[in-house]
Amino acid sequence: MTTTHVPGSRTAIITGGGRGIGRATALALGEDGWNVVVAGRTQSGLDETVAELTGEGLAVATDVSDASQVDELFRQAVATFGRVDLLFNNAGIAAPAVPVDELSVEVWEQVIAINVTGSYLCARAAFAQMRDQSPQGGRIINNGSISADRPRPMSAPYTVSKHAITGLTKSLSLDGRTHGICVGQVDIGNVTSDMTEAMVAGILQADGSTRSEPTMDMGNVASSIVHIANLDPDANILTMTVMANGMPFVGRG
């Protein structure tokens, strides 16, 4: 782990950075010349991401649902690199696909704590840093989902959490204008990962059938994040959908 501040360089914080989309995005930003701070609950996964980075990196074990840990994440990022130019609010979890009356309240609360409260706490910390640093401003990209628009069967906790992310994105986009803070959202559909293996094998559809769904390489998401991150400060992509071509989204249900 390197802790050398590089004057004038850009710094990104990525939550959920120890695997999957978070790791792919961290590596893509590193190749683009960014300092990258990865956060997540498992230190070993974060360390593996940093070891693969091109350029400067920092791994900070963080439970995003804990305000004190989020504050410490940003404190370490600023102490190491001097500022925060980008937050990719990527950390999130799903719930078992069961009828809503069979889902425990504890699972519901865990999904909301990570997906909604965690995103809020990280955005809150990013706002505070971006508003006060010089030069002022930065960019927040929230990880939404296809489910922020259309739910899957038996997905109430996850769907509710991602609808909340859309509200957070729009509200913070408005609030950030006077501080030079751009806020947008990327809605992602069917990225190839261990979480989407079931989609290839066959997953429940809204009409009650079970069908295989196409997936896409997560590099498509990472390159989209890099594109948004490199926009001029006076430009914003409020919402972007990056999805596997042919997946049942436009006609879902």
Protein backbone atom coordinates (compact mmCIF):
# COMPACT_ATOMS: atom_id res chain seq x y z
CA MET A 1 0.00 0.00 0.00
CA THR A 2 1.41 3.36 -1.08
CA THR A 3 0.74 6.52 0.91
CA THR A 4 2.55 9.17 -1.11
CA HIS A 5 0.57 12.29 -1.93
CA VAL A 6 0.82 13.28 -5.58
CA PRO A 7 0.20 17.05 -5.87
CA GLY A 8 -2.36 18.03 -8.45
CA SER A 9 -3.62 14.51 -9.10
CA ARG A 10 -7.21 13.34 -8.85
CA THR A 11 -8.44 11.01 -6.12
CA ALA A 12 -11.38 8.60 -6.21
CA ILE A 13 -13.04 6.69 -3.38
CA ILE A 14 -14.78 3.46 -4.37
CA THR A 15 -16.95 1.57 -1.91
CA GLY A 16 -17.37 -2.15 -2.44
CA GLY A 17 -13.90 -1.97 -3.98
CA GLY A 18 -12.66 -5.42 -3.00
CA ARG A 19 -14.37 -7.34 -5.77
CA GLY A 20 -16.63 -7.23 -8.81
CA ILE A 21 -17.65 -3.89 -10.29
CA GLY A 22 -15.80 -1.98 -7.57
CA ARG A 23 -12.50 -3.68 -8.31
CA ALA A 24 -12.92 -3.39 -12.08
CA THR A 25 -13.67 0.33 -11.73
CA ALA A 26 -10.73 0.87 -9.38
CA LEU A 27 -8.35 -0.72 -11.87
CA ALA A 28 -9.80 1.30 -14.76
CA LEU A 29 -9.46 4.57 -12.85
CA GLY A 30 -5.92 3.67 -11.82
CA GLU A 31 -4.99 3.09 -15.45
CA ASP A 32 -6.49 6.53 -16.20
CA GLY A 33 -4.14 8.18 -13.74
CA TRP A 34 -6.33 8.50 -10.66
CA ASN A 35 -5.29 7.90 -7.07
CA VAL A 36 -7.71 5.22 -5.88
CA VAL A 37 -9.02 4.57 -2.37
CA VAL A 38 -10.99 1.33 -2.06
CA ALA A 39 -13.32 0.62 0.84
CA GLY A 40 -15.20 -2.49 1.87
CA ARG A 41 -15.73 -4.87 4.73
CA THR A 42 -12.99 -7.39 3.84
CA GLN A 43 -9.43 -6.10 4.12
CA SER A 44 -7.89 -8.96 2.14
CA GLY A 45 -10.03 -8.24 -0.93
CA LEU A 46 -9.21 -4.54 -0.74
CA ASP A 47 -5.49 -5.29 -0.47
CA GLU A 48 -5.72 -7.50 -3.57
CA THR A 49 -7.34 -4.64 -5.50
CA VAL A 50 -4.64 -2.17 -4.45
CA ALA A 51 -1.92 -4.68 -5.38
CA GLU A 52 -3.28 -4.77 -8.94
CA LEU A 53 -3.59 -1.01 -9.32
CA THR A 54 -1.60 1.11 -11.72
CA GLY A 55 -0.48 4.10 -9.69
CA GLU A 56 -1.30 5.14 -6.14
CA GLY A 57 -3.76 3.24 -3.97
CA LEU A 58 -5.10 2.95 -0.43
CA ALA A 59 -7.25 0.23 1.13
CA VAL A 60 -9.48 1.11 4.08
CA ALA A 61 -11.69 -1.54 5.68
CA THR A 62 -15.07 0.14 6.12
CA ASP A 63 -18.63 -0.75 7.04
CA VAL A 64 -20.48 1.93 5.10
CA SER A 65 -23.50 1.67 7.38
CA ASP A 66 -21.37 2.95 10.29
CA ALA A 67 -21.02 6.75 10.24
CA SER A 68 -17.80 6.78 12.28
CA GLN A 69 -16.14 4.30 9.91
CA VAL A 70 -17.22 6.34 6.88
CA ASP A 71 -15.79 9.49 8.43
CA GLU A 72 -12.52 7.64 9.06
CA LEU A 73 -12.45 6.47 5.44
CA PHE A 74 -12.60 10.04 4.19
CA ARG A 75 -10.13 11.23 6.82
CA GLN A 76 -7.57 8.67 5.65
CA ALA A 77 -8.20 9.46 1.98
CA VAL A 78 -7.61 13.18 2.52
CA ALA A 79 -4.63 12.60 4.81
CA THR A 80 -3.03 10.44 2.11
CA PHE A 81 -3.94 12.24 -1.11
CA GLY A 82 -5.04 15.73 -0.05
CA ARG A 83 -8.53 15.83 -1.57
CA VAL A 84 -11.43 13.75 -2.94
CA ASP A 85 -12.54 14.35 -6.53
CA LEU A 86 -14.81 11.32 -7.05
CA LEU A 87 -16.97 9.03 -4.94
CA PHE A 88 -18.32 5.88 -6.58
CA ASN A 89 -21.06 4.80 -4.17
CA ASN A 90 -20.92 1.15 -5.19
CA ALA A 91 -21.35 -0.96 -2.03
CA GLY A 92 -24.59 -2.92 -1.93
CA ILE A 93 -26.17 -6.24 -1.06
CA ALA A 94 -29.22 -8.20 -2.18
CA ALA A 95 -31.78 -10.28 -0.28
CA PRO A 96 -33.03 -13.83 -0.85
CA ALA A 97 -35.76 -14.08 -3.48
CA VAL A 98 -38.61 -15.12 -1.20
CA PRO A 99 -42.21 -13.92 -0.77
CA VAL A 100 -42.27 -10.69 1.21
CA ASP A 101 -44.13 -12.28 4.15
CA GLU A 102 -41.34 -14.87 4.46
CA LEU A 103 -38.54 -12.30 4.55
CA SER A 104 -37.19 -11.50 8.00
CA VAL A 105 -37.21 -7.95 9.29
CA GLU A 106 -33.50 -8.35 10.04
CA VAL A 107 -32.71 -8.98 6.35
CA TRP A 108 -34.81 -5.99 5.32
CA GLU A 109 -32.96 -3.75 7.78
CA GLN A 110 -29.56 -5.00 6.61
CA VAL A 111 -30.32 -4.25 2.94
CA ILE A 112 -31.57 -0.75 3.78
CA ALA A 113 -28.62 -0.12 6.10
CA ILE A 114 -26.00 -0.95 3.46
CA ASN A 115 -27.71 0.15 0.25
CA VAL A 116 -29.49 3.30 1.42
CA THR A 117 -27.98 4.52 4.69
CA GLY A 118 -24.49 3.54 3.55
CA SER A 119 -24.84 5.48 0.31
CA TYR A 120 -26.20 8.47 2.21
CA LEU A 121 -23.37 8.44 4.76
CA CYS A 122 -20.70 8.26 2.05
CA ALA A 123 -22.35 11.00 0.00
CA ARG A 124 -22.66 13.12 3.15
CA ALA A 125 -18.94 12.76 3.86
CA ALA A 126 -18.08 13.45 0.21
CA PHE A 127 -20.21 16.60 0.22
CA ALA A 128 -18.45 17.91 3.31
CA GLN A 129 -15.01 17.33 1.80
CA MET A 130 -15.83 18.52 -1.72
CA ARG A 131 -17.52 21.69 -0.49
CA ASP A 132 -14.59 22.70 1.72
CA GLN A 133 -11.58 21.71 -0.39
CA SER A 134 -9.78 24.06 -2.78
CA PRO A 135 -10.48 24.04 -5.62
CA GLN A 136 -14.03 23.29 -4.55
CA GLY A 137 -16.17 20.55 -6.05
CA GLY A 138 -16.11 16.97 -7.23
CA ARG A 139 -18.36 14.21 -8.50
CA ILE A 140 -20.50 11.51 -6.89
CA ILE A 141 -21.68 8.52 -8.92
CA ASN A 142 -24.26 6.28 -7.26
CA ASN A 143 -24.65 2.64 -8.28
CA GLY A 144 -28.32 2.22 -9.04
CA SER A 145 -29.72 -0.83 -10.80
CA ILE A 146 -32.22 -1.89 -13.42
CA SER A 147 -34.32 -2.47 -10.28
CA ALA A 148 -34.33 1.28 -9.69
CA ASP A 149 -36.82 1.34 -12.55
CA ARG A 150 -38.34 -2.15 -12.84
CA PRO A 151 -38.38 -4.82 -10.12
CA ARG A 152 -37.78 -8.52 -10.38
CA PRO A 153 -40.20 -10.90 -8.70
CA MET A 154 -39.75 -11.20 -4.93
CA SER A 155 -37.21 -8.38 -4.66
CA ALA A 156 -38.94 -5.81 -2.44
CA PRO A 157 -35.97 -4.89 -0.17
CA TYR A 158 -33.48 -4.49 -3.01
CA THR A 159 -35.98 -2.72 -5.29
CA VAL A 160 -37.00 -0.28 -2.55
CA SER A 161 -33.34 0.45 -1.79
CA LYS A 162 -32.53 1.20 -5.42
CA HIS A 163 -35.58 3.42 -5.88
CA ALA A 164 -34.28 5.30 -2.84
CA ILE A 165 -30.90 5.70 -4.56
CA THR A 166 -32.63 7.43 -7.47
CA GLY A 167 -34.20 9.90 -5.05
CA LEU A 168 -30.85 10.45 -3.36
CA THR A 169 -29.18 11.06 -6.71
CA LYS A 170 -31.73 13.63 -7.86
CA SER A 171 -31.81 15.45 -4.54
CA LEU A 172 -28.03 15.64 -4.18
CA SER A 173 -27.64 16.66 -7.82
CA LEU A 174 -29.78 19.69 -7.04
CA ASP A 175 -28.04 20.46 -3.75
CA GLY A 176 -24.57 20.11 -5.22
CA ARG A 177 -24.90 22.70 -7.95
CA THR A 178 -23.86 25.71 -5.89
CA HIS A 179 -20.76 23.85 -4.65
CA GLY A 180 -19.49 22.48 -7.95
CA ILE A 181 -20.53 18.95 -6.99
CA CYS A 182 -21.99 16.83 -9.81
CA VAL A 183 -24.11 13.84 -8.79
CA GLY A 184 -25.26 11.10 -11.16
CA GLN A 185 -26.32 7.48 -11.21
CA VAL A 186 -25.44 4.40 -13.24
CA ASP A 187 -28.16 1.74 -13.49
CA ILE A 188 -26.52 -1.60 -14.22
CA GLY A 189 -28.08 -4.73 -15.64
CA ASN A 190 -26.68 -8.27 -15.71
CA VAL A 191 -22.93 -7.91 -15.28
CA THR A 192 -21.10 -11.23 -15.46
CA SER A 193 -20.12 -12.21 -11.91
CA ASP A 194 -20.76 -14.88 -9.30
CA MET A 195 -23.99 -13.02 -8.49
CA THR A 196 -25.32 -13.46 -12.04
CA GLU A 197 -24.47 -17.12 -12.55
CA ALA A 198 -28.09 -17.94 -11.73
CA MET A 199 -29.23 -15.67 -14.57
CA VAL A 200 -27.38 -17.77 -17.12
CA ALA A 201 -28.73 -21.00 -15.66
CA GLY A 202 -32.28 -19.62 -15.56
CA ILE A 203 -34.01 -17.06 -13.37
CA LEU A 204 -37.63 -16.40 -12.43
CA GLN A 205 -39.45 -13.98 -14.75
CA ALA A 206 -42.44 -11.76 -14.08
CA ASP A 207 -44.76 -14.11 -16.01
CA GLY A 208 -43.82 -17.02 -13.74
CA SER A 209 -41.51 -18.74 -16.21
CA THR A 210 -37.81 -19.43 -15.69
CA ARG A 211 -35.47 -18.35 -18.47
CA SER A 212 -31.80 -17.76 -19.05
CA GLU A 213 -30.70 -14.12 -19.41
CA PRO A 214 -27.68 -12.65 -21.20
CA THR A 215 -24.91 -10.99 -19.23
CA MET A 216 -22.11 -8.56 -20.10
CA ASP A 217 -18.52 -8.04 -19.05
CA MET A 218 -18.14 -5.67 -16.09
CA GLY A 219 -15.49 -3.78 -18.01
CA ASN A 220 -18.36 -2.05 -19.78
CA VAL A 221 -19.45 -0.57 -16.46
CA ALA A 222 -15.93 0.40 -15.44
CA SER A 223 -15.33 2.26 -18.70
CA SER A 224 -18.66 4.06 -18.27
CA ILE A 225 -17.65 5.24 -14.79
CA VAL A 226 -14.32 6.50 -16.15
CA HIS A 227 -16.17 8.37 -18.89
CA ILE A 228 -18.45 10.13 -16.40
CA ALA A 229 -15.54 10.84 -14.06
CA ASN A 230 -13.70 12.65 -16.86
CA LEU A 231 -16.54 14.96 -17.84
CA ASP A 232 -15.93 18.68 -17.56
CA PRO A 233 -17.08 20.07 -14.19
CA ASP A 234 -19.93 21.95 -15.90
CA ALA A 235 -21.36 18.71 -17.37
CA ASN A 236 -23.25 15.89 -15.70
CA ILE A 237 -24.85 12.59 -16.65
CA LEU A 238 -27.76 12.38 -14.23
CA THR A 239 -28.70 8.80 -15.12
CA MET A 240 -27.09 6.20 -17.36
CA THR A 241 -28.23 2.64 -18.02
CA VAL A 242 -25.53 0.09 -18.85
CA MET A 243 -27.07 -3.29 -19.55
CA ALA A 244 -26.56 -6.58 -21.30
CA ASN A 245 -28.09 -6.30 -24.75
CA GLY A 246 -31.14 -8.54 -24.95
CA MET A 247 -31.88 -8.74 -21.23
CA PRO A 248 -35.57 -8.40 -20.34
CA PHE A 249 -35.61 -4.77 -19.21
CA VAL A 250 -37.49 -2.62 -21.70
CA GLY A 251 -40.15 -5.31 -21.93
CA ARG A 252 -39.87 -6.74 -18.42
CA GLY A 253 -43.23 -7.82 -17.05
